Amino acid sequence: MAHFSDKLRTGTARFLCGRNGTDQLNGGLLVLYVILVFLRSFVVLLFPYAAVSGLFSLLILFVSLTVIFRIFSRNLPKRREENRRFLCWWNPKAAALSAAAARRRDREHRYFRCKCCGALCRVPRGVGRIEITCPRCQNTMSAKS
């Protein structure tokens, strides 16, 4: 004899079959939702006007309805295209944040940005005053490592 929880799980799985479910864009929208909720609480304290609170409430409602719509949507090609465009926008930013964090953790090297082309130059830390030649544009600069 099947338990109620088994029937519920099976029914939910049957209902969600062929639907989009969650993806990275929905995760990003949920992060935006949380940020908007926190911002609304601070902004309402600073500006106790109904219009400001109402605007934030509408934005929060729009984001939450968009997430729900995308989860239950059966138009998979369109949802996948939306997610692909989001990832094309987000992945370079995430990679830059990850690289910046890795540079901050690196205790053996110093990083300098070339003034001409903007390239990042890595040199050993603790050598003293050195001449750095940019690998991209061959510009030289003097810096303390």
N, C-alpha and C. Protein backbone atom coordinates (compact mmCIF):
# COMPACT_ATOMS: atom_id res chain seq x y z
N MET A 1 0.85 -1.18 0.00
CA MET A 1 0.00 0.00 0.00
C MET A 1 0.89 1.24 0.00
N ALA A 2 0.63 2.14 -0.94
CA ALA A 2 1.45 3.35 -1.08
C ALA A 2 1.05 4.38 -0.02
N HIS A 3 2.05 5.02 0.53
CA HIS A 3 1.81 6.07 1.51
C HIS A 3 1.45 7.37 0.81
N PHE A 4 0.88 8.27 1.58
CA PHE A 4 0.48 9.57 1.02
C PHE A 4 1.69 10.31 0.44
N SER A 5 2.84 10.26 1.13
CA SER A 5 4.02 10.98 0.65
C SER A 5 4.52 10.41 -0.67
N ASP A 6 4.41 9.09 -0.87
CA ASP A 6 4.80 8.49 -2.15
C ASP A 6 3.88 8.94 -3.27
N LYS A 7 2.58 8.97 -2.97
CA LYS A 7 1.61 9.43 -3.97
C LYS A 7 1.84 10.90 -4.33
N LEU A 8 2.13 11.70 -3.31
CA LEU A 8 2.39 13.12 -3.54
C LEU A 8 3.64 13.31 -4.38
N ARG A 9 4.69 12.58 -4.07
CA ARG A 9 5.94 12.67 -4.83
C ARG A 9 5.73 12.24 -6.28
N THR A 10 5.02 11.16 -6.49
CA THR A 10 4.74 10.67 -7.84
C THR A 10 3.88 11.66 -8.61
N GLY A 11 2.86 12.20 -7.96
CA GLY A 11 1.99 13.18 -8.62
C GLY A 11 2.73 14.45 -8.98
N THR A 12 3.60 14.90 -8.09
CA THR A 12 4.39 16.10 -8.37
C THR A 12 5.35 15.85 -9.53
N ALA A 13 6.00 14.70 -9.53
CA ALA A 13 6.91 14.37 -10.63
C ALA A 13 6.17 14.30 -11.96
N ARG A 14 4.96 13.73 -11.95
CA ARG A 14 4.16 13.64 -13.17
C ARG A 14 3.76 15.04 -13.64
N PHE A 15 3.39 15.92 -12.70
CA PHE A 15 3.00 17.28 -13.05
C PHE A 15 4.17 18.06 -13.63
N LEU A 16 5.38 17.90 -13.07
CA LEU A 16 6.53 18.68 -13.52
C LEU A 16 7.21 18.09 -14.75
N CYS A 17 6.81 16.92 -15.18
CA CYS A 17 7.39 16.30 -16.36
C CYS A 17 7.14 17.17 -17.59
N GLY A 18 8.19 17.51 -18.33
CA GLY A 18 8.06 18.34 -19.52
C GLY A 18 8.07 19.82 -19.23
N ARG A 19 8.29 20.21 -18.00
CA ARG A 19 8.35 21.62 -17.65
C ARG A 19 9.81 22.03 -17.46
N ASN A 20 10.04 23.34 -17.44
CA ASN A 20 11.41 23.85 -17.40
C ASN A 20 12.12 23.55 -16.09
N GLY A 21 11.48 23.76 -14.97
CA GLY A 21 12.15 23.57 -13.69
C GLY A 21 13.07 24.76 -13.39
N THR A 22 14.07 24.53 -12.57
CA THR A 22 14.98 25.63 -12.21
C THR A 22 16.24 25.56 -13.05
N ASP A 23 16.81 26.71 -13.32
CA ASP A 23 18.09 26.81 -14.02
C ASP A 23 18.86 27.99 -13.44
N GLN A 24 19.97 28.35 -14.06
CA GLN A 24 20.83 29.40 -13.53
C GLN A 24 20.14 30.76 -13.54
N LEU A 25 19.33 31.04 -14.56
CA LEU A 25 18.62 32.32 -14.60
C LEU A 25 17.64 32.43 -13.44
N ASN A 26 16.95 31.34 -13.11
CA ASN A 26 16.06 31.38 -11.95
C ASN A 26 16.83 31.60 -10.66
N GLY A 27 18.02 30.99 -10.55
CA GLY A 27 18.86 31.23 -9.38
C GLY A 27 19.25 32.69 -9.27
N GLY A 28 19.61 33.30 -10.41
CA GLY A 28 19.95 34.72 -10.42
C GLY A 28 18.76 35.60 -10.06
N LEU A 29 17.58 35.22 -10.56
CA LEU A 29 16.38 35.98 -10.22
C LEU A 29 16.03 35.85 -8.74
N LEU A 30 16.27 34.69 -8.15
CA LEU A 30 16.02 34.52 -6.72
C LEU A 30 16.99 35.36 -5.89
N VAL A 31 18.24 35.46 -6.33
CA VAL A 31 19.20 36.34 -5.65
C VAL A 31 18.73 37.78 -5.76
N LEU A 32 18.27 38.19 -6.95
CA LEU A 32 17.74 39.54 -7.13
C LEU A 32 16.53 39.77 -6.22
N TYR A 33 15.68 38.77 -6.07
CA TYR A 33 14.51 38.85 -5.20
C TYR A 33 14.94 39.14 -3.76
N VAL A 34 15.91 38.39 -3.26
CA VAL A 34 16.39 38.58 -1.88
C VAL A 34 16.99 39.97 -1.71
N ILE A 35 17.77 40.41 -2.70
CA ILE A 35 18.36 41.75 -2.63
C ILE A 35 17.28 42.82 -2.60
N LEU A 36 16.25 42.67 -3.43
CA LEU A 36 15.16 43.65 -3.45
C LEU A 36 14.40 43.68 -2.13
N VAL A 37 14.21 42.52 -1.51
CA VAL A 37 13.50 42.47 -0.22
C VAL A 37 14.31 43.22 0.83
N PHE A 38 15.63 42.98 0.89
CA PHE A 38 16.45 43.70 1.86
C PHE A 38 16.51 45.20 1.55
N LEU A 39 16.64 45.54 0.26
CA LEU A 39 16.66 46.97 -0.11
C LEU A 39 15.37 47.66 0.27
N ARG A 40 14.25 46.97 0.05
CA ARG A 40 12.96 47.58 0.39
C ARG A 40 12.88 47.88 1.88
N SER A 41 13.38 46.98 2.71
CA SER A 41 13.30 47.22 4.15
C SER A 41 14.14 48.44 4.56
N PHE A 42 15.29 48.64 3.92
CA PHE A 42 16.12 49.80 4.25
C PHE A 42 15.58 51.08 3.64
N VAL A 43 15.10 51.00 2.40
CA VAL A 43 14.60 52.19 1.72
C VAL A 43 13.32 52.70 2.38
N VAL A 44 12.46 51.80 2.84
CA VAL A 44 11.22 52.21 3.50
C VAL A 44 11.53 52.94 4.80
N LEU A 45 12.61 52.54 5.48
CA LEU A 45 13.01 53.26 6.69
C LEU A 45 13.48 54.67 6.37
N LEU A 46 14.20 54.82 5.26
CA LEU A 46 14.74 56.13 4.87
C LEU A 46 13.68 57.02 4.23
N PHE A 47 12.84 56.44 3.39
CA PHE A 47 11.80 57.18 2.68
C PHE A 47 10.44 56.56 3.00
N PRO A 48 9.79 56.99 4.04
CA PRO A 48 8.52 56.34 4.44
C PRO A 48 7.33 56.79 3.58
N TYR A 49 7.47 56.67 2.27
CA TYR A 49 6.38 57.04 1.37
C TYR A 49 5.77 55.77 0.78
N ALA A 50 4.48 55.82 0.57
CA ALA A 50 3.79 54.65 0.03
C ALA A 50 4.23 54.34 -1.39
N ALA A 51 4.59 55.36 -2.17
CA ALA A 51 4.98 55.15 -3.56
C ALA A 51 6.28 54.36 -3.64
N VAL A 52 7.25 54.65 -2.78
CA VAL A 52 8.53 53.94 -2.79
C VAL A 52 8.31 52.49 -2.40
N SER A 53 7.55 52.26 -1.35
CA SER A 53 7.27 50.90 -0.90
C SER A 53 6.49 50.14 -1.96
N GLY A 54 5.54 50.82 -2.59
CA GLY A 54 4.75 50.19 -3.64
C GLY A 54 5.58 49.81 -4.84
N LEU A 55 6.53 50.67 -5.22
CA LEU A 55 7.41 50.37 -6.35
C LEU A 55 8.25 49.13 -6.06
N PHE A 56 8.84 49.07 -4.87
CA PHE A 56 9.63 47.90 -4.52
C PHE A 56 8.74 46.65 -4.45
N SER A 57 7.54 46.79 -3.94
CA SER A 57 6.64 45.64 -3.87
C SER A 57 6.28 45.14 -5.26
N LEU A 58 6.07 46.06 -6.21
CA LEU A 58 5.78 45.65 -7.58
C LEU A 58 6.99 44.94 -8.22
N LEU A 59 8.17 45.46 -7.99
CA LEU A 59 9.37 44.81 -8.52
C LEU A 59 9.53 43.41 -7.93
N ILE A 60 9.33 43.29 -6.64
CA ILE A 60 9.45 41.98 -5.98
C ILE A 60 8.40 41.02 -6.52
N LEU A 61 7.18 41.49 -6.68
CA LEU A 61 6.10 40.65 -7.23
C LEU A 61 6.43 40.22 -8.66
N PHE A 62 6.94 41.15 -9.48
CA PHE A 62 7.29 40.83 -10.87
C PHE A 62 8.38 39.76 -10.92
N VAL A 63 9.43 39.90 -10.09
CA VAL A 63 10.52 38.92 -10.09
C VAL A 63 10.01 37.56 -9.62
N SER A 64 9.20 37.53 -8.58
CA SER A 64 8.72 36.24 -8.07
C SER A 64 7.78 35.56 -9.08
N LEU A 65 6.92 36.33 -9.74
CA LEU A 65 6.04 35.75 -10.75
C LEU A 65 6.83 35.25 -11.96
N THR A 66 7.91 35.97 -12.31
CA THR A 66 8.76 35.53 -13.42
C THR A 66 9.42 34.20 -13.09
N VAL A 67 9.91 34.04 -11.86
CA VAL A 67 10.52 32.78 -11.45
C VAL A 67 9.50 31.65 -11.52
N ILE A 68 8.31 31.88 -10.99
CA ILE A 68 7.27 30.84 -11.00
C ILE A 68 6.87 30.49 -12.44
N PHE A 69 6.71 31.52 -13.28
CA PHE A 69 6.36 31.29 -14.68
C PHE A 69 7.42 30.45 -15.38
N ARG A 70 8.71 30.79 -15.14
CA ARG A 70 9.79 30.06 -15.80
C ARG A 70 9.88 28.62 -15.30
N ILE A 71 9.60 28.38 -14.02
CA ILE A 71 9.67 27.02 -13.49
C ILE A 71 8.61 26.13 -14.14
N PHE A 72 7.39 26.64 -14.29
CA PHE A 72 6.29 25.83 -14.79
C PHE A 72 6.09 25.93 -16.30
N SER A 73 6.95 26.65 -17.00
CA SER A 73 6.80 26.82 -18.44
C SER A 73 7.10 25.52 -19.18
N ARG A 74 6.32 25.29 -20.22
CA ARG A 74 6.56 24.12 -21.08
C ARG A 74 7.25 24.50 -22.38
N ASN A 75 7.48 25.78 -22.58
CA ASN A 75 8.18 26.24 -23.78
C ASN A 75 9.69 26.14 -23.52
N LEU A 76 10.20 24.92 -23.57
CA LEU A 76 11.59 24.66 -23.21
C LEU A 76 12.61 25.37 -24.11
N PRO A 77 12.42 25.41 -25.45
CA PRO A 77 13.42 26.11 -26.27
C PRO A 77 13.57 27.60 -25.91
N LYS A 78 12.46 28.25 -25.64
CA LYS A 78 12.52 29.67 -25.30
C LYS A 78 13.19 29.87 -23.93
N ARG A 79 12.87 29.02 -22.94
CA ARG A 79 13.49 29.14 -21.61
C ARG A 79 14.99 28.84 -21.68
N ARG A 80 15.37 27.88 -22.51
CA ARG A 80 16.79 27.57 -22.66
C ARG A 80 17.54 28.70 -23.34
N GLU A 81 16.91 29.35 -24.30
CA GLU A 81 17.53 30.51 -24.96
C GLU A 81 17.69 31.66 -23.98
N GLU A 82 16.68 31.90 -23.14
CA GLU A 82 16.79 32.94 -22.11
C GLU A 82 17.95 32.63 -21.16
N ASN A 83 18.05 31.37 -20.75
CA ASN A 83 19.12 30.97 -19.83
C ASN A 83 20.48 31.10 -20.51
N ARG A 84 20.57 30.73 -21.81
CA ARG A 84 21.83 30.86 -22.54
C ARG A 84 22.27 32.31 -22.61
N ARG A 85 21.34 33.23 -22.91
CA ARG A 85 21.68 34.67 -22.96
C ARG A 85 22.12 35.18 -21.60
N PHE A 86 21.46 34.72 -20.53
CA PHE A 86 21.87 35.11 -19.18
C PHE A 86 23.28 34.62 -18.88
N LEU A 87 23.57 33.37 -19.24
CA LEU A 87 24.90 32.82 -18.98
C LEU A 87 25.97 33.52 -19.81
N CYS A 88 25.65 33.92 -21.03
CA CYS A 88 26.62 34.69 -21.84
C CYS A 88 26.92 36.03 -21.19
N TRP A 89 25.95 36.60 -20.50
CA TRP A 89 26.17 37.87 -19.79
C TRP A 89 26.87 37.62 -18.46
N TRP A 90 26.50 36.58 -17.73
CA TRP A 90 26.98 36.38 -16.36
C TRP A 90 28.36 35.71 -16.29
N ASN A 91 28.65 34.73 -17.15
CA ASN A 91 29.89 33.96 -17.03
C ASN A 91 31.16 34.81 -17.06
N PRO A 92 31.28 35.82 -17.95
CA PRO A 92 32.49 36.65 -17.89
C PRO A 92 32.63 37.40 -16.57
N LYS A 93 31.51 37.85 -16.00
CA LYS A 93 31.57 38.56 -14.71
C LYS A 93 31.95 37.60 -13.59
N ALA A 94 31.42 36.39 -13.61
CA ALA A 94 31.76 35.40 -12.59
C ALA A 94 33.22 35.00 -12.70
N ALA A 95 33.72 34.86 -13.93
CA ALA A 95 35.12 34.49 -14.12
C ALA A 95 36.04 35.62 -13.63
N ALA A 96 35.67 36.86 -13.89
CA ALA A 96 36.48 37.99 -13.42
C ALA A 96 36.50 38.06 -11.90
N LEU A 97 35.36 37.82 -11.27
CA LEU A 97 35.31 37.80 -9.80
C LEU A 97 36.15 36.67 -9.23
N SER A 98 36.10 35.52 -9.86
CA SER A 98 36.88 34.37 -9.40
C SER A 98 38.38 34.63 -9.57
N ALA A 99 38.77 35.22 -10.70
CA ALA A 99 40.18 35.52 -10.93
C ALA A 99 40.68 36.58 -9.95
N ALA A 100 39.87 37.58 -9.65
CA ALA A 100 40.27 38.61 -8.69
C ALA A 100 40.45 38.00 -7.31
N ALA A 101 39.59 37.07 -6.93
CA ALA A 101 39.73 36.40 -5.64
C ALA A 101 41.00 35.57 -5.60
N ALA A 102 41.32 34.90 -6.71
CA ALA A 102 42.54 34.10 -6.77
C ALA A 102 43.78 34.99 -6.67
N ARG A 103 43.75 36.16 -7.30
CA ARG A 103 44.89 37.09 -7.19
C ARG A 103 45.05 37.60 -5.78
N ARG A 104 43.93 37.84 -5.08
CA ARG A 104 44.04 38.29 -3.67
C ARG A 104 44.62 37.20 -2.78
N ARG A 105 44.34 35.94 -3.08
CA ARG A 105 44.87 34.84 -2.28
C ARG A 105 46.34 34.55 -2.57
N ASP A 106 46.83 34.97 -3.73
CA ASP A 106 48.20 34.68 -4.15
C ASP A 106 49.17 35.53 -3.33
N ARG A 107 49.92 34.90 -2.44
CA ARG A 107 50.87 35.61 -1.58
C ARG A 107 52.29 35.59 -2.15
N GLU A 108 52.52 34.88 -3.23
CA GLU A 108 53.87 34.77 -3.79
C GLU A 108 54.12 35.74 -4.94
N HIS A 109 53.09 36.41 -5.43
CA HIS A 109 53.25 37.30 -6.58
C HIS A 109 52.54 38.63 -6.33
N ARG A 110 53.01 39.67 -7.04
CA ARG A 110 52.32 40.96 -7.10
C ARG A 110 51.81 41.14 -8.51
N TYR A 111 50.71 41.83 -8.64
CA TYR A 111 50.09 42.04 -9.94
C TYR A 111 50.06 43.53 -10.25
N PHE A 112 50.50 43.88 -11.44
CA PHE A 112 50.50 45.27 -11.88
C PHE A 112 49.75 45.35 -13.20
N ARG A 113 49.01 46.44 -13.38
CA ARG A 113 48.29 46.66 -14.62
C ARG A 113 49.09 47.62 -15.48
N CYS A 114 49.27 47.26 -16.76
CA CYS A 114 50.01 48.11 -17.70
C CYS A 114 49.20 49.38 -17.98
N LYS A 115 49.89 50.50 -17.96
CA LYS A 115 49.21 51.78 -18.18
C LYS A 115 48.84 52.00 -19.64
N CYS A 116 49.52 51.31 -20.55
CA CYS A 116 49.23 51.49 -21.98
C CYS A 116 48.07 50.62 -22.46
N CYS A 117 48.18 49.32 -22.23
CA CYS A 117 47.18 48.41 -22.80
C CYS A 117 46.25 47.79 -21.77
N GLY A 118 46.55 47.94 -20.48
CA GLY A 118 45.68 47.41 -19.44
C GLY A 118 45.92 45.95 -19.11
N ALA A 119 46.97 45.35 -19.68
CA ALA A 119 47.27 43.94 -19.40
C ALA A 119 47.72 43.78 -17.95
N LEU A 120 47.48 42.61 -17.41
CA LEU A 120 47.87 42.30 -16.04
C LEU A 120 49.23 41.62 -16.07
N CYS A 121 50.18 42.15 -15.32
CA CYS A 121 51.54 41.62 -15.28
C CYS A 121 51.80 41.04 -13.89
N ARG A 122 52.25 39.78 -13.84
CA ARG A 122 52.51 39.10 -12.57
C ARG A 122 54.02 39.01 -12.36
N VAL A 123 54.47 39.46 -11.19
CA VAL A 123 55.90 39.40 -10.86
C VAL A 123 56.06 38.79 -9.47
N PRO A 124 57.23 38.17 -9.21
CA PRO A 124 57.45 37.60 -7.88
C PRO A 124 57.47 38.68 -6.81
N ARG A 125 56.93 38.36 -5.66
CA ARG A 125 56.89 39.30 -4.54
C ARG A 125 58.21 39.27 -3.79
N GLY A 126 58.61 40.44 -3.27
CA GLY A 126 59.77 40.51 -2.39
C GLY A 126 61.12 40.61 -3.08
N VAL A 127 61.15 40.90 -4.37
CA VAL A 127 62.42 41.02 -5.09
C VAL A 127 63.01 42.41 -4.90
N GLY A 128 62.20 43.40 -4.67
CA GLY A 128 62.66 44.79 -4.54
C GLY A 128 62.16 45.59 -5.73
N ARG A 129 62.90 46.65 -6.06
CA ARG A 129 62.52 47.51 -7.19
C ARG A 129 62.93 46.83 -8.49
N ILE A 130 61.97 46.66 -9.41
CA ILE A 130 62.24 45.96 -10.66
C ILE A 130 61.66 46.70 -11.84
N GLU A 131 62.18 46.38 -13.01
CA GLU A 131 61.64 46.87 -14.28
C GLU A 131 60.71 45.79 -14.83
N ILE A 132 59.48 46.17 -15.09
CA ILE A 132 58.49 45.22 -15.61
C ILE A 132 58.23 45.54 -17.07
N THR A 133 58.34 44.54 -17.93
CA THR A 133 58.04 44.71 -19.35
C THR A 133 56.72 44.02 -19.63
N CYS A 134 55.78 44.78 -20.16
CA CYS A 134 54.45 44.24 -20.46
C CYS A 134 54.58 43.20 -21.57
N PRO A 135 54.02 42.01 -21.37
CA PRO A 135 54.13 40.98 -22.40
C PRO A 135 53.29 41.28 -23.65
N ARG A 136 52.32 42.16 -23.53
CA ARG A 136 51.44 42.45 -24.67
C ARG A 136 51.97 43.59 -25.53
N CYS A 137 52.35 44.72 -24.90
CA CYS A 137 52.73 45.91 -25.68
C CYS A 137 54.20 46.28 -25.54
N GLN A 138 54.94 45.54 -24.73
CA GLN A 138 56.38 45.75 -24.51
C GLN A 138 56.70 47.08 -23.82
N ASN A 139 55.73 47.70 -23.20
CA ASN A 139 55.95 48.92 -22.41
C ASN A 139 56.67 48.52 -21.13
N THR A 140 57.61 49.35 -20.70
CA THR A 140 58.32 49.07 -19.44
C THR A 140 57.88 50.02 -18.37
N MET A 141 57.85 49.52 -17.13
CA MET A 141 57.50 50.34 -15.97
C MET A 141 58.34 49.87 -14.81
N SER A 142 58.54 50.75 -13.88
CA SER A 142 59.33 50.45 -12.71
C SER A 142 58.39 50.38 -11.50
N ALA A 143 58.57 49.33 -10.69
CA ALA A 143 57.70 49.16 -9.54
C ALA A 143 58.43 48.36 -8.48
N LYS A 144 57.93 48.46 -7.25
CA LYS A 144 58.49 47.69 -6.14
C LYS A 144 57.63 46.43 -5.95
N SER A 145 58.30 45.31 -5.94
CA SER A 145 57.54 44.07 -5.78
C SER A 145 57.52 43.70 -4.32
